[in-house]
C-alpha cells in the first residue's frame, strides 16, 4: 500500500502507469473527479491486486466468495463499485485479494444521521463493526424525541453491522442543560422514566446497544452521574446490549485538565463496554481557524488515558469534517463552515491551488482568493487518516470511531482495507 502525493505535471493516467495498476481502478477507488487535472498536493491511496476474477454469467457474490475461500464482505470491500451499480455484471473484473498482508484486526464505528444516502451507506457498511445513529435527544421535559431510523437499522444488520442508539441531551443553553442534568441526577423517578423509554425504543427499533454522549457535568453531582450510568448500563446489559460512553473533550479541557477526574474515568469505564474519545481535531464552528487539537496533543491525551482504561476498550475518534474560514479571523464574529474532504479538493481544483500539509497537526490546508476575499481551508487527507489509524493500532486500541460517514470516504476505507481485518460482532 502506498500513499501517493500528486506532483506538478502528473495526471491520473501517468500515476496509474507508474504503479502498474488499472486507470479504471485508480479513478473508481479514489473517487478521482478529473483524471487529467489532479490537484497538486492531493493524495491517492494505491493498493496492488494480487488475485482477480472475471465475472461469469450466473455468478453470485456468494458463489465467488465460496470459490475463493473469502467472505462476501471481503468482495464488497475490495470492489466498492458494486454498491454503486447494484450488482454483478458479467465481463467485469473483481479484485479477490490485494498484495498487502493485514497487520491486525480493528473495530470501526461509523456515526451517521438517519437521513444518510442509502447507496453511500451500502458502500460503507462492509467496513463497519458498529453504526452509531445520531441521535435521540432528551428534552427539558424529559421526553425522548423519536427519529425515523428503522430502514438504516435493518440495512446495517443485513451487512453484519451492529446498530447503536445514540443518547444525548437537547441542544439547550449550557446553564439550562446543567439545571436539567441536576434534575435528572437527583430525581430517581425521572431517571426510571428515561431508562424505560430508552429500552422501549431499543426493543421496538431493533438496536443492539447504546452510546451515551456524555456532557460536561458540574463537580457537585458527578458522583450522581456515575451512579445513573451504572443503573442504565446494568439494565442494558441484563438484556445483552452493548453500552459505549463517548467523551468529546475540547482543546481547552485537554490543555487545562478539567475534563474528569481519574476516578470518574475509571468508574465509568468499568460500567460500559467501551469508551470513545472523540475530539475536535480541526476546529469548531465558532473557534479560531487553527487546529483545535493538533495530532501530537491527541497523542498525549491518549497516553494520559491509557493507564486509566484498558486499550482494548478504547475507540479513537477521527473527525472527518474540514473547515473553511474567511480571513482575517475575527473572534466572536468569524464562523467556520464545514467542508468535506471531497469538497475541499474540488475547491483547490477550481482555483488551481496546491494543497499544503501541516505535519504537526497532520492536516492538509490551503489558502485561496475569491472575489477579492481570502479563505483558509483545512481538512484531513490520506496522510492524516493514516496517522490516526496508526495511533490506534500502535497503542493496541480496540478501534476507531468515525465522525461522520455521511459522505463516502475513499481515502479512509482504502487505508482500512489495505491494513486491517474488520471485527464483526454479529
Protein backbone atom coordinates (compact mmCIF):
# COMPACT_ATOMS: atom_id res chain seq x y z
CA UNK A 1 0.00 0.00 0.00
CA UNK A 2 1.28 3.44 -0.95
CA UNK A 3 0.02 6.96 -0.26
CA UNK A 4 0.89 8.96 -3.37
CA UNK A 5 1.08 12.76 -3.17
CA UNK A 6 0.31 14.30 -6.56
CA UNK A 7 3.25 16.21 -8.07
CA UNK A 8 3.18 19.01 -10.68
CA UNK A 9 2.69 17.69 -14.21
CA UNK A 10 1.17 14.37 -13.16
CA UNK A 11 -2.19 13.02 -14.29
CA UNK A 12 -4.20 10.08 -13.01
CA UNK A 13 -3.09 8.23 -16.15
CA UNK A 14 0.62 8.79 -15.52
CA UNK A 15 0.24 7.79 -11.86
CA UNK A 16 -1.58 4.58 -12.77
CA UNK A 17 1.07 3.76 -15.38
CA UNK A 18 3.89 4.45 -12.91
CA UNK A 19 2.47 1.97 -10.39
CA UNK A 20 1.35 -0.55 -13.00
CA UNK A 21 -2.30 -0.50 -11.98
CA UNK A 22 -5.52 -0.06 -13.95
CA UNK A 23 -6.52 3.55 -14.55
CA UNK A 24 -10.14 2.48 -14.11
CA UNK A 25 -9.30 1.13 -10.67
CA UNK A 26 -7.43 4.30 -9.66
CA UNK A 27 -10.27 6.58 -10.78
CA UNK A 28 -13.01 4.44 -9.28
CA UNK A 29 -11.48 3.54 -5.91
CA UNK A 30 -10.02 7.02 -5.20
CA UNK A 31 -13.05 8.93 -6.42
CA UNK A 32 -10.99 10.88 -8.96
CA UNK A 33 -13.16 13.71 -10.32
CA UNK A 34 -10.87 14.90 -13.16
CA UNK A 35 -8.18 12.39 -14.25
CA UNK A 36 -6.40 14.95 -16.41
CA UNK A 37 -6.32 17.67 -13.74
CA UNK A 38 -5.46 16.15 -10.38
CA UNK A 39 -4.84 18.63 -7.56
CA UNK A 40 -1.15 19.06 -6.79
CA UNK A 41 -0.56 18.02 -3.16
CA UNK A 42 -3.68 15.83 -3.07
CA UNK A 43 -3.33 12.18 -2.07
CA UNK A 44 -4.23 8.88 -3.75
CA UNK A 45 -4.09 5.54 -1.95
CA UNK A 46 -2.58 2.80 -4.11
CA UNK A 47 -3.38 -0.88 -3.45
CA UNK A 48 -2.00 -3.65 -5.64
CA UNK A 49 -4.32 -6.51 -6.64
CA UNK A 50 -2.83 -9.95 -6.06
CA UNK A 51 -5.68 -12.03 -7.46
CA UNK A 52 -8.55 -11.03 -9.75
CA UNK A 53 -11.55 -12.77 -11.31
CA UNK A 54 -13.65 -12.02 -14.40
CA UNK A 55 -17.35 -12.27 -13.59
CA UNK A 56 -19.19 -15.04 -15.47
CA UNK A 57 -22.87 -15.38 -16.33
CA UNK A 58 -24.72 -16.89 -13.38
CA UNK A 59 -22.13 -15.86 -10.77
CA UNK A 60 -23.27 -14.52 -7.42
CA UNK A 61 -21.30 -12.85 -4.66
CA UNK A 62 -21.85 -15.92 -2.52
CA UNK A 63 -20.62 -18.37 -5.19
CA UNK A 64 -17.50 -16.31 -5.93
CA UNK A 65 -16.70 -15.90 -2.24
CA UNK A 66 -17.08 -19.65 -1.70
CA UNK A 67 -14.90 -20.41 -4.74
CA UNK A 68 -12.02 -18.31 -3.43
CA UNK A 69 -12.49 -19.05 0.31
CA UNK A 70 -13.23 -15.46 1.27
CA UNK A 71 -16.34 -13.70 2.58
CA UNK A 72 -18.93 -11.65 0.73
CA UNK A 73 -17.82 -8.69 2.85
CA UNK A 74 -14.26 -9.16 1.55
CA UNK A 75 -15.59 -8.90 -2.00
CA UNK A 76 -17.59 -5.77 -1.21
CA UNK A 77 -14.62 -4.10 0.49
CA UNK A 78 -12.31 -4.95 -2.42
CA UNK A 79 -14.81 -3.83 -5.06
CA UNK A 80 -16.71 -0.84 -3.73
CA UNK A 81 -18.13 -0.01 -7.17
CA UNK A 82 -20.58 -2.92 -6.75
CA UNK A 83 -22.62 -0.77 -4.36
CA UNK A 84 -22.86 1.99 -6.98
CA UNK A 85 -24.09 -0.26 -9.77
CA UNK A 86 -26.18 -2.54 -7.57
CA UNK A 87 -24.76 -5.95 -8.52
CA UNK A 88 -22.52 -8.11 -10.69
CA UNK A 89 -22.03 -7.50 -14.42
CA UNK A 90 -20.57 -10.38 -16.50
CA UNK A 91 -17.22 -9.47 -18.05
CA UNK A 92 -16.19 -7.07 -15.29
CA UNK A 93 -13.14 -7.81 -13.15
CA UNK A 94 -13.30 -8.30 -9.41
CA UNK A 95 -10.38 -7.92 -7.03
CA UNK A 96 -10.24 -11.09 -4.92
CA UNK A 97 -7.21 -10.17 -2.82
CA UNK A 98 -4.72 -7.36 -2.53
CA UNK A 99 -0.98 -7.93 -2.07
CA UNK A 100 -0.72 -6.29 1.32
CA UNK A 101 -0.62 -8.53 4.36
CA UNK A 102 -3.04 -7.35 7.02
CA UNK A 103 -1.31 -6.04 10.13
CA UNK A 104 -4.18 -6.65 12.54
CA UNK A 105 -7.87 -6.54 13.36
CA UNK A 106 -9.76 -3.38 14.18
CA UNK A 107 -13.29 -2.34 15.11
CA UNK A 108 -14.73 0.55 13.12
CA UNK A 109 -17.63 2.60 14.48
CA UNK A 110 -19.29 4.95 11.98
CA UNK A 111 -21.52 7.83 13.04
CA UNK A 112 -24.38 8.71 10.68
CA UNK A 113 -27.56 10.75 10.65
CA UNK A 114 -30.72 8.77 9.93
CA UNK A 115 -31.13 10.52 6.55
CA UNK A 116 -27.82 9.23 5.13
CA UNK A 117 -27.94 8.35 1.41
CA UNK A 118 -28.60 4.59 1.25
CA UNK A 119 -26.11 3.99 -1.58
CA UNK A 120 -23.40 5.71 0.46
CA UNK A 121 -24.38 3.60 3.46
CA UNK A 122 -24.33 0.32 1.49
CA UNK A 123 -20.87 1.22 0.18
CA UNK A 124 -19.61 1.97 3.69
CA UNK A 125 -21.21 -0.82 5.77
CA UNK A 126 -18.72 -3.56 4.75
CA UNK A 127 -16.02 -1.54 6.57
CA UNK A 128 -18.00 -1.11 9.80
CA UNK A 129 -18.38 -3.01 13.04
CA UNK A 130 -20.92 -0.60 14.51
CA UNK A 131 -23.26 2.03 13.08
CA UNK A 132 -23.99 4.75 15.64
CA UNK A 133 -27.14 6.63 14.57
CA UNK A 134 -27.32 10.29 15.51
CA UNK A 135 -29.33 10.92 17.65
CA UNK A 136 -32.01 10.51 20.31
CA UNK A 137 -32.36 13.64 22.44
CA UNK A 138 -33.96 14.16 25.82
CA UNK A 139 -35.92 17.42 26.01
CA UNK A 140 -36.12 19.60 29.13
CA UNK A 141 -39.48 17.93 29.81
CA UNK A 142 -37.80 14.52 29.95
CA UNK A 143 -39.26 13.37 26.62
CA UNK A 144 -37.20 11.13 24.35
CA UNK A 145 -37.50 12.54 20.80
CA UNK A 146 -38.03 9.83 18.18
CA UNK A 147 -36.34 9.74 14.75
CA UNK A 148 -37.03 7.78 11.54
CA UNK A 149 -34.18 5.27 11.64
CA UNK A 150 -35.78 1.87 11.04
CA UNK A 151 -34.58 1.48 7.39
CA UNK A 152 -30.90 2.01 8.20
CA UNK A 153 -31.09 -0.17 11.32
CA UNK A 154 -32.36 -3.05 9.18
CA UNK A 155 -29.80 -2.36 6.44
CA UNK A 156 -26.93 -2.36 8.95
CA UNK A 157 -27.94 -5.79 10.24
CA UNK A 158 -28.01 -7.18 6.69
CA UNK A 159 -24.30 -6.32 6.50
CA UNK A 160 -23.46 -7.77 9.91
CA UNK A 161 -23.09 -4.31 11.46
CA UNK A 162 -24.41 -3.63 14.97
CA UNK A 163 -26.69 -0.55 15.06
CA UNK A 164 -26.25 1.58 18.18
CA UNK A 165 -28.68 4.18 19.50
CA UNK A 166 -27.01 7.48 20.45
CA UNK A 167 -28.48 9.20 23.50
CA UNK A 168 -27.77 12.88 24.11
CA UNK A 169 -29.34 15.85 25.81
CA UNK A 170 -31.29 18.52 23.97
CA UNK A 171 -29.22 21.33 22.44
CA UNK A 172 -30.26 23.87 25.02
CA UNK A 173 -28.30 26.72 26.60
CA UNK A 174 -25.44 25.50 28.78
CA UNK A 175 -26.89 26.57 32.15
CA UNK A 176 -30.33 25.27 31.21
CA UNK A 177 -28.75 21.94 30.31
CA UNK A 178 -26.89 21.84 33.62
CA UNK A 179 -30.09 22.58 35.55
CA UNK A 180 -31.81 19.80 33.62
CA UNK A 181 -28.92 17.40 34.32
CA UNK A 182 -29.18 18.24 38.01
CA UNK A 183 -32.91 17.42 37.91
CA UNK A 184 -32.27 14.11 36.16
CA UNK A 185 -29.48 13.15 38.52
CA UNK A 186 -31.48 13.88 41.65
CA UNK A 187 -34.93 12.69 40.54
CA UNK A 188 -34.94 8.88 40.55
CA UNK A 189 -38.49 8.73 39.17
CA UNK A 190 -37.38 10.76 36.12
CA UNK A 191 -34.32 8.52 35.72
CA UNK A 192 -36.53 5.45 35.70
CA UNK A 193 -38.77 7.01 33.04
CA UNK A 194 -35.79 7.83 30.80
CA UNK A 195 -34.31 4.34 31.17
CA UNK A 196 -37.64 2.68 30.40
CA UNK A 197 -38.16 4.92 27.36
CA UNK A 198 -34.67 4.10 26.05
CA UNK A 199 -35.20 0.36 26.49
CA UNK A 200 -38.59 0.56 24.76
CA UNK A 201 -37.07 2.28 21.71
CA UNK A 202 -34.19 -0.20 21.55
CA UNK A 203 -36.58 -3.15 21.62
CA UNK A 204 -39.05 -1.62 19.15
CA UNK A 205 -36.45 -0.47 16.63
CA UNK A 206 -34.07 -3.43 16.91
CA UNK A 207 -30.98 -1.64 18.18
CA UNK A 208 -28.20 -3.81 19.59
CA UNK A 209 -26.84 -1.25 22.01
CA UNK A 210 -26.48 2.34 23.17
CA UNK A 211 -23.84 5.06 23.01
CA UNK A 212 -24.03 7.72 25.72
CA UNK A 213 -22.89 11.19 24.68
CA UNK A 214 -21.54 12.48 27.99
CA UNK A 215 -21.91 16.25 28.54
CA UNK A 216 -19.88 18.34 30.95
CA UNK A 217 -21.12 17.64 34.47
CA UNK A 218 -20.55 20.06 37.33
CA UNK A 219 -18.35 18.56 40.09
CA UNK A 220 -21.05 18.67 42.77
CA UNK A 221 -23.08 15.93 41.09
CA UNK A 222 -20.57 13.93 39.08
CA UNK A 223 -20.99 11.07 41.55
CA UNK A 224 -24.73 11.17 40.80
CA UNK A 225 -23.94 10.91 37.09
CA UNK A 226 -21.70 7.88 37.63
CA UNK A 227 -24.50 6.24 39.64
CA UNK A 228 -27.01 6.98 36.87
CA UNK A 229 -24.68 5.47 34.24
CA UNK A 230 -24.24 2.40 36.42
CA UNK A 231 -28.02 1.91 36.71
CA UNK A 232 -28.59 2.45 32.98
CA UNK A 233 -25.69 0.21 31.92
CA UNK A 234 -26.81 -2.60 34.22
CA UNK A 235 -30.34 -2.51 32.80
CA UNK A 236 -28.96 -2.65 29.26
CA UNK A 237 -26.50 -5.43 29.99
CA UNK A 238 -29.26 -7.53 31.55
CA UNK A 239 -30.73 -7.65 28.05
CA UNK A 240 -27.38 -8.46 26.39
CA UNK A 241 -26.98 -4.99 24.88
CA UNK A 242 -23.75 -3.14 24.09
CA UNK A 243 -23.01 0.09 26.01
CA UNK A 244 -20.43 2.69 24.96
CA UNK A 245 -19.59 6.03 26.55
CA UNK A 246 -18.46 8.89 24.27
CA UNK A 247 -16.26 11.68 25.62
CA UNK A 248 -15.71 14.77 23.46
CA UNK A 249 -13.19 16.98 25.27
CA UNK A 250 -12.43 20.37 23.74
CA UNK A 251 -8.94 21.82 23.39
CA UNK A 252 -9.50 23.99 26.49
CA UNK A 253 -10.50 21.00 28.60
CA UNK A 254 -7.49 18.97 27.46
CA UNK A 255 -4.96 21.76 27.94
CA UNK A 256 -6.31 22.70 31.39
CA UNK A 257 -7.04 19.16 32.59
CA UNK A 258 -10.58 19.99 33.73
CA UNK A 259 -12.45 17.17 31.97
CA UNK A 260 -12.99 14.40 34.52
CA UNK A 261 -11.04 13.09 37.44
CA UNK A 262 -9.14 9.83 37.11
CA UNK A 263 -11.60 8.19 39.48
CA UNK A 264 -14.60 9.09 37.32
CA UNK A 265 -12.93 7.96 34.10
CA UNK A 266 -12.13 4.62 35.72
CA UNK A 267 -15.58 4.26 37.31
CA UNK A 268 -17.45 4.85 34.05
CA UNK A 269 -15.09 2.65 32.02
CA UNK A 270 -15.81 -0.31 34.31
CA UNK A 271 -19.56 0.08 33.77
CA UNK A 272 -19.59 0.23 29.96
CA UNK A 273 -18.19 -1.98 27.21
CA UNK A 274 -16.00 0.72 25.75
CA UNK A 275 -15.13 4.40 25.69
CA UNK A 276 -14.96 6.59 22.58
CA UNK A 277 -12.53 9.53 22.64
CA UNK A 278 -13.91 11.91 20.01
CA UNK A 279 -12.15 15.29 19.99
CA UNK A 280 -12.49 18.38 17.82
CA UNK A 281 -9.47 17.80 15.61
CA UNK A 282 -9.55 20.64 13.10
CA UNK A 283 -11.67 23.25 14.84
CA UNK A 284 -15.21 24.09 15.80
CA UNK A 285 -17.73 26.27 14.02
CA UNK A 286 -17.10 29.26 16.28
CA UNK A 287 -13.46 28.57 17.13
CA UNK A 288 -10.37 30.14 15.56
CA UNK A 289 -9.09 28.91 12.16
CA UNK A 290 -6.38 26.74 13.67
CA UNK A 291 -6.28 23.11 14.60
CA UNK A 292 -8.24 22.92 17.84
CA UNK A 293 -6.34 19.83 18.98
CA UNK A 294 -3.24 19.02 16.99
CA UNK A 295 -2.27 15.42 16.40
CA UNK A 296 0.56 15.36 18.92
CA UNK A 297 -1.69 16.79 21.63
CA UNK A 298 -4.10 13.96 20.92
CA UNK A 299 -1.19 11.53 21.30
CA UNK A 300 -0.55 12.99 24.76
CA UNK A 301 -4.25 12.68 25.60
CA UNK A 302 -4.23 9.00 24.66
CA UNK A 303 -1.07 8.49 26.72
CA UNK A 304 -2.90 10.00 29.71
CA UNK A 305 -6.00 7.86 29.28
CA UNK A 306 -4.30 4.50 28.59
CA UNK A 307 -3.31 3.88 32.24
CA UNK A 308 -6.93 4.51 33.26
CA UNK A 309 -8.81 2.48 30.66
CA UNK A 310 -7.63 -0.78 29.05
CA UNK A 311 -6.67 -0.01 25.42
CA UNK A 312 -8.87 -2.84 24.15
CA UNK A 313 -11.86 -0.89 25.47
CA UNK A 314 -10.93 2.38 23.72
CA UNK A 315 -12.02 3.74 20.35
CA UNK A 316 -10.04 6.61 18.87
CA UNK A 317 -12.30 9.22 17.31
CA UNK A 318 -11.48 10.52 13.84
CA UNK A 319 -13.40 13.64 12.81
CA UNK A 320 -13.59 13.78 9.02
CA UNK A 321 -15.09 17.28 8.91
CA UNK A 322 -12.90 20.01 7.45
CA UNK A 323 -13.50 23.76 7.83
CA UNK A 324 -13.33 26.87 5.67
CA UNK A 325 -12.90 30.38 7.15
CA UNK A 326 -12.86 33.81 5.59
CA UNK A 327 -9.75 35.76 6.62
CA UNK A 328 -8.94 37.69 8.69
CA UNK A 329 -10.38 35.79 11.62
CA UNK A 330 -12.38 37.99 13.99
CA UNK A 331 -13.09 36.46 17.40
CA UNK A 332 -16.81 36.22 18.11
CA UNK A 333 -17.70 37.12 14.52
CA UNK A 334 -16.00 34.68 12.15
CA UNK A 335 -17.67 31.33 11.54
CA UNK A 336 -16.01 28.15 10.28
CA UNK A 337 -18.10 26.48 7.58
CA UNK A 338 -17.88 22.69 7.45
CA UNK A 339 -16.43 21.20 4.28
CA UNK A 340 -15.89 17.57 3.27
CA UNK A 341 -12.65 16.02 2.06
CA UNK A 342 -14.04 15.82 -1.49
CA UNK A 343 -15.40 19.35 -1.30
CA UNK A 344 -12.04 20.74 -0.18
CA UNK A 345 -10.21 19.05 -3.06
CA UNK A 346 -12.79 20.38 -5.52
CA UNK A 347 -12.24 23.96 -4.25
CA UNK A 348 -8.48 23.53 -4.68
CA UNK A 349 -9.08 22.28 -8.26
CA UNK A 350 -11.49 25.11 -9.11
CA UNK A 351 -8.98 27.75 -8.03
CA UNK A 352 -5.87 25.87 -9.20
CA UNK A 353 -4.36 25.84 -5.71
CA UNK A 354 -1.65 23.45 -4.49
CA UNK A 355 -2.53 21.66 -1.25
CA UNK A 356 -0.02 22.04 1.62
CA UNK A 357 0.43 19.74 4.59
CA UNK A 358 0.90 20.57 8.29
CA UNK A 359 2.86 17.72 9.86
CA UNK A 360 2.34 18.98 13.42
CA UNK A 361 -1.43 18.92 13.04
CA UNK A 362 -1.45 16.06 10.49
CA UNK A 363 -3.84 18.13 8.36
CA UNK A 364 -3.98 19.32 4.75
CA UNK A 365 -4.65 23.02 4.10
CA UNK A 366 -4.57 25.79 1.51
CA UNK A 367 -5.44 29.47 1.12
CA UNK A 368 -7.31 30.86 -1.88
CA UNK A 369 -8.92 34.09 -3.07
CA UNK A 370 -12.41 34.58 -4.47
CA UNK A 371 -13.99 37.91 -5.49
CA UNK A 372 -11.39 39.87 -3.55
CA UNK A 373 -11.86 37.81 -0.37
CA UNK A 374 -9.39 35.35 1.14
CA UNK A 375 -10.24 31.94 2.60
CA UNK A 376 -8.41 29.23 4.55
CA UNK A 377 -9.38 25.55 4.20
CA UNK A 378 -8.15 22.74 6.48
CA UNK A 379 -9.14 19.07 6.17
CA UNK A 380 -7.89 15.51 6.63
CA UNK A 381 -6.29 13.72 3.67
CA UNK A 382 -4.91 10.17 3.41
CA UNK A 383 -1.75 11.10 5.34
CA UNK A 384 -3.88 12.45 8.19
CA UNK A 385 -6.13 9.41 8.31
CA UNK A 386 -3.16 7.05 8.24
CA UNK A 387 -1.62 8.86 11.22
CA UNK A 388 -4.80 8.31 13.26
CA UNK A 389 -5.14 4.68 12.23
CA UNK A 390 -1.54 4.04 13.21
CA UNK A 391 -2.03 5.82 16.55
CA UNK A 392 -4.89 3.46 17.37
CA UNK A 393 -3.02 0.38 16.14
CA UNK A 394 0.28 1.16 17.85
CA UNK A 395 -1.48 1.64 21.17
CA UNK A 396 -3.41 -1.65 20.81
CA UNK A 397 -6.73 0.16 20.89
CA UNK A 398 -9.96 -1.67 20.10
CA UNK A 399 -10.76 0.50 17.15
CA UNK A 400 -11.69 3.85 15.67
CA UNK A 401 -14.91 5.88 15.63
CA UNK A 402 -15.56 7.98 12.53
CA UNK A 403 -17.44 11.28 12.78
CA UNK A 404 -19.08 11.08 10.32
CA UNK A 405 -19.79 8.77 7.34
CA UNK A 406 -22.40 10.87 5.54
CA UNK A 407 -20.05 11.09 2.55
CA UNK A 408 -18.14 8.07 1.24
CA UNK A 409 -14.55 8.39 2.48
CA UNK A 410 -12.41 7.00 -0.35
CA UNK A 411 -9.01 7.52 1.31
CA UNK A 412 -10.04 6.18 4.70
CA UNK A 413 -11.67 2.98 3.50
CA UNK A 414 -8.76 2.15 1.18
CA UNK A 415 -6.37 2.61 4.12
CA UNK A 416 -8.52 0.46 6.40
CA UNK A 417 -8.94 -2.25 3.78
CA UNK A 418 -5.25 -2.33 2.95
CA UNK A 419 -4.15 -2.89 6.54
CA UNK A 420 -6.87 -4.39 8.71
CA UNK A 421 -9.42 -7.13 9.01
CA UNK A 422 -12.71 -5.72 10.33
CA UNK A 423 -14.04 -7.03 13.64
CA UNK A 424 -17.68 -8.12 13.37
CA UNK A 425 -19.85 -8.60 16.47
CA UNK A 426 -22.95 -10.02 14.72
